[in-house]
């Protein structure tokens, strides 16, 4: 994030958890020593004959886009998309629960969803 328009004041947040996940699947450029990125670990040794041929080579090559190196920009973009999806879901669910009735749930008042302004015929009390 850029603070006050000066790049030297920006705060860069590294996506440590996502980098750890990529390391667990064999990406060695982050320096984590877990699962498939650890050449002395049991997962690496047990998987030599199981994994697809050349998996670790394909993951760690810079020529392909199998596992791109991720950084602070990816962290911000992923969180922005997640915020948008969660907000949209919240609005849709709240709208579905607060609506008086629809073709999907025409007998909504029978399930305890009603409003005082609906009147006595629709489950309200006015």
C-alpha atoms as a PDB file:
ATOM      1  CA  UNK A   1       0.000   0.000   0.000  1.00  0.00           C
ATOM      2  CA  UNK A   2       1.276   3.424  -0.878  1.00  0.00           C
ATOM      3  CA  UNK A   3       1.236   5.892   2.005  1.00  0.00           C
ATOM      4  CA  UNK A   4       0.837   9.573   1.144  1.00  0.00           C
ATOM      5  CA  UNK A   5       2.101   9.121  -2.416  1.00  0.00           C
ATOM      6  CA  UNK A   6       5.683   8.324  -1.465  1.00  0.00           C
ATOM      7  CA  UNK A   7       6.984   4.838  -2.312  1.00  0.00           C
ATOM      8  CA  UNK A   8       9.500   4.804   0.532  1.00  0.00           C
ATOM      9  CA  UNK A   9       6.634   4.884   3.074  1.00  0.00           C
ATOM     10  CA  UNK A  10       4.737   1.922   1.674  1.00  0.00           C
ATOM     11  CA  UNK A  11       4.106  -1.185   3.728  1.00  0.00           C
ATOM     12  CA  UNK A  12       4.666  -4.417   1.809  1.00  0.00           C
ATOM     13  CA  UNK A  13       2.964  -7.437   3.333  1.00  0.00           C
ATOM     14  CA  UNK A  14       4.428 -10.737   2.157  1.00  0.00           C
ATOM     15  CA  UNK A  15       1.952 -13.596   1.610  1.00  0.00           C
ATOM     16  CA  UNK A  16       3.779 -15.992   3.946  1.00  0.00           C
ATOM     17  CA  UNK A  17       0.979 -18.576   4.144  1.00  0.00           C
ATOM     18  CA  UNK A  18       0.592 -18.795   0.347  1.00  0.00           C
ATOM     19  CA  UNK A  19       4.363 -19.067  -0.048  1.00  0.00           C
ATOM     20  CA  UNK A  20       4.418 -21.857   2.538  1.00  0.00           C
ATOM     21  CA  UNK A  21       1.683 -23.707   0.606  1.00  0.00           C
ATOM     22  CA  UNK A  22       3.699 -23.415  -2.613  1.00  0.00           C
ATOM     23  CA  UNK A  23       6.800 -24.629  -0.765  1.00  0.00           C
ATOM     24  CA  UNK A  24       4.910 -27.636   0.557  1.00  0.00           C
ATOM     25  CA  UNK A  25       4.169 -28.538  -3.063  1.00  0.00           C
ATOM     26  CA  UNK A  26       7.826 -28.318  -4.062  1.00  0.00           C
ATOM     27  CA  UNK A  27       8.668 -24.650  -4.766  1.00  0.00           C
ATOM     28  CA  UNK A  28      12.167 -24.102  -3.341  1.00  0.00           C
ATOM     29  CA  UNK A  29      12.746 -20.390  -4.030  1.00  0.00           C
ATOM     30  CA  UNK A  30      11.148 -19.193  -0.767  1.00  0.00           C
ATOM     31  CA  UNK A  31      13.587 -20.957   1.549  1.00  0.00           C
ATOM     32  CA  UNK A  32      11.006 -22.980   3.486  1.00  0.00           C
ATOM     33  CA  UNK A  33      12.097 -26.519   4.317  1.00  0.00           C
ATOM     34  CA  UNK A  34       8.750 -28.359   4.326  1.00  0.00           C
ATOM     35  CA  UNK A  35       7.308 -31.451   2.656  1.00  0.00           C
ATOM     36  CA  UNK A  36       8.323 -31.589  -1.024  1.00  0.00           C
ATOM     37  CA  UNK A  37      10.744 -28.655  -0.855  1.00  0.00           C
ATOM     38  CA  UNK A  38      12.844 -30.514   1.735  1.00  0.00           C
ATOM     39  CA  UNK A  39      15.108 -33.015  -0.027  1.00  0.00           C
ATOM     40  CA  UNK A  40      15.733 -34.868   3.243  1.00  0.00           C
ATOM     41  CA  UNK A  41      12.085 -35.053   4.307  1.00  0.00           C
ATOM     42  CA  UNK A  42       9.938 -38.200   4.277  1.00  0.00           C
ATOM     43  CA  UNK A  43       7.433 -36.746   1.780  1.00  0.00           C
ATOM     44  CA  UNK A  44      10.192 -36.068  -0.745  1.00  0.00           C
ATOM     45  CA  UNK A  45      11.758 -39.509  -0.317  1.00  0.00           C
ATOM     46  CA  UNK A  46       8.435 -41.376  -0.350  1.00  0.00           C
ATOM     47  CA  UNK A  47       7.204 -39.491  -3.382  1.00  0.00           C
ATOM     48  CA  UNK A  48      10.137 -40.111  -5.709  1.00  0.00           C
ATOM     49  CA  UNK A  49       8.362 -43.011  -7.406  1.00  0.00           C
ATOM     50  CA  UNK A  50       4.814 -41.727  -6.924  1.00  0.00           C
ATOM     51  CA  UNK A  51       4.823 -38.162  -8.229  1.00  0.00           C
ATOM     52  CA  UNK A  52       4.538 -37.301 -11.862  1.00  0.00           C
ATOM     53  CA  UNK A  53       7.917 -37.429 -13.598  1.00  0.00           C
ATOM     54  CA  UNK A  54       9.576 -34.045 -13.532  1.00  0.00           C
ATOM     55  CA  UNK A  55       7.066 -32.440 -11.127  1.00  0.00           C
ATOM     56  CA  UNK A  56       9.684 -30.755  -8.960  1.00  0.00           C
ATOM     57  CA  UNK A  57      11.630 -29.612 -11.998  1.00  0.00           C
ATOM     58  CA  UNK A  58       8.476 -28.145 -13.553  1.00  0.00           C
ATOM     59  CA  UNK A  59       7.506 -26.345 -10.347  1.00  0.00           C
ATOM     60  CA  UNK A  60      10.924 -24.741  -9.928  1.00  0.00           C
ATOM     61  CA  UNK A  61      11.616 -23.731 -13.526  1.00  0.00           C
ATOM     62  CA  UNK A  62      11.386 -20.037 -14.330  1.00  0.00           C
ATOM     63  CA  UNK A  63      10.249 -20.634 -17.911  1.00  0.00           C
ATOM     64  CA  UNK A  64       6.732 -21.866 -17.152  1.00  0.00           C
ATOM     65  CA  UNK A  65       3.812 -20.501 -15.170  1.00  0.00           C
ATOM     66  CA  UNK A  66       2.965 -23.588 -13.111  1.00  0.00           C
ATOM     67  CA  UNK A  67       3.794 -21.930  -9.776  1.00  0.00           C
ATOM     68  CA  UNK A  68       4.557 -18.265 -10.271  1.00  0.00           C
ATOM     69  CA  UNK A  69       6.460 -16.524  -7.507  1.00  0.00           C
ATOM     70  CA  UNK A  70       3.938 -14.547  -5.489  1.00  0.00           C
ATOM     71  CA  UNK A  71       4.495 -11.297  -3.644  1.00  0.00           C
ATOM     72  CA  UNK A  72       2.770  -8.379  -1.907  1.00  0.00           C
ATOM     73  CA  UNK A  73       0.774  -7.367  -4.992  1.00  0.00           C
ATOM     74  CA  UNK A  74      -0.809 -10.810  -5.171  1.00  0.00           C
ATOM     75  CA  UNK A  75      -1.625 -10.583  -1.466  1.00  0.00           C
ATOM     76  CA  UNK A  76      -3.520  -7.318  -1.961  1.00  0.00           C
ATOM     77  CA  UNK A  77      -5.346  -8.533  -5.066  1.00  0.00           C
ATOM     78  CA  UNK A  78      -6.446 -11.796  -3.447  1.00  0.00           C
ATOM     79  CA  UNK A  79      -7.760  -9.953  -0.407  1.00  0.00           C
ATOM     80  CA  UNK A  80      -9.583  -7.386  -2.546  1.00  0.00           C
ATOM     81  CA  UNK A  81     -11.303 -10.162  -4.492  1.00  0.00           C
ATOM     82  CA  UNK A  82     -12.155 -12.034  -1.282  1.00  0.00           C
ATOM     83  CA  UNK A  83     -13.656  -8.872   0.220  1.00  0.00           C
ATOM     84  CA  UNK A  84     -15.786  -8.358  -2.885  1.00  0.00           C
ATOM     85  CA  UNK A  85     -17.004 -11.959  -2.904  1.00  0.00           C
ATOM     86  CA  UNK A  86     -17.847 -11.972   0.797  1.00  0.00           C
ATOM     87  CA  UNK A  87     -19.672  -8.642   0.570  1.00  0.00           C
ATOM     88  CA  UNK A  88     -21.686  -9.837  -2.427  1.00  0.00           C
ATOM     89  CA  UNK A  89     -22.587 -13.066  -0.635  1.00  0.00           C
ATOM     90  CA  UNK A  90     -23.629 -11.174   2.488  1.00  0.00           C
ATOM     91  CA  UNK A  91     -25.865  -8.835   0.481  1.00  0.00           C
ATOM     92  CA  UNK A  92     -27.489 -11.709  -1.419  1.00  0.00           C
ATOM     93  CA  UNK A  93     -28.122 -13.816   1.687  1.00  0.00           C
ATOM     94  CA  UNK A  94     -29.470 -10.850   3.653  1.00  0.00           C
ATOM     95  CA  UNK A  95     -31.706  -9.908   0.739  1.00  0.00           C
ATOM     96  CA  UNK A  96     -33.031 -13.454   0.492  1.00  0.00           C
ATOM     97  CA  UNK A  97     -33.804 -13.603   4.210  1.00  0.00           C
ATOM     98  CA  UNK A  98     -35.351 -10.138   4.400  1.00  0.00           C
ATOM     99  CA  UNK A  99     -37.548 -10.455   1.308  1.00  0.00           C
ATOM    100  CA  UNK A 100     -41.271 -10.947   1.908  1.00  0.00           C
ATOM    101  CA  UNK A 101     -41.556 -13.900  -0.436  1.00  0.00           C
ATOM    102  CA  UNK A 102     -40.444 -15.082  -3.818  1.00  0.00           C
ATOM    103  CA  UNK A 103     -40.974 -17.840  -6.345  1.00  0.00           C
ATOM    104  CA  UNK A 104     -38.207 -19.775  -4.616  1.00  0.00           C
ATOM    105  CA  UNK A 105     -39.883 -19.557  -1.199  1.00  0.00           C
ATOM    106  CA  UNK A 106     -43.498 -18.328  -1.507  1.00  0.00           C
ATOM    107  CA  UNK A 107     -44.482 -19.750   1.895  1.00  0.00           C
ATOM    108  CA  UNK A 108     -41.750 -17.889   3.732  1.00  0.00           C
ATOM    109  CA  UNK A 109     -44.102 -16.621   6.434  1.00  0.00           C
ATOM    110  CA  UNK A 110     -44.830 -20.210   7.460  1.00  0.00           C
ATOM    111  CA  UNK A 111     -41.186 -20.623   8.442  1.00  0.00           C
ATOM    112  CA  UNK A 112     -41.194 -17.674  10.851  1.00  0.00           C
ATOM    113  CA  UNK A 113     -39.921 -14.975   8.511  1.00  0.00           C
ATOM    114  CA  UNK A 114     -42.374 -12.087   8.700  1.00  0.00           C
ATOM    115  CA  UNK A 115     -42.482  -8.336   9.183  1.00  0.00           C
ATOM    116  CA  UNK A 116     -44.841  -6.193  11.265  1.00  0.00           C
ATOM    117  CA  UNK A 117     -45.686  -4.150   8.188  1.00  0.00           C
ATOM    118  CA  UNK A 118     -46.931  -7.241   6.348  1.00  0.00           C
ATOM    119  CA  UNK A 119     -50.317  -7.126   8.027  1.00  0.00           C
ATOM    120  CA  UNK A 120     -52.269  -9.972   9.588  1.00  0.00           C
ATOM    121  CA  UNK A 121     -52.843 -11.755   6.296  1.00  0.00           C
ATOM    122  CA  UNK A 122     -49.150 -12.279   5.660  1.00  0.00           C
ATOM    123  CA  UNK A 123     -47.874 -13.074   9.134  1.00  0.00           C
ATOM    124  CA  UNK A 124     -47.533  -9.568  10.557  1.00  0.00           C
ATOM    125  CA  UNK A 125     -49.447  -8.051  13.454  1.00  0.00           C
ATOM    126  CA  UNK A 126     -50.647  -4.667  12.182  1.00  0.00           C
END
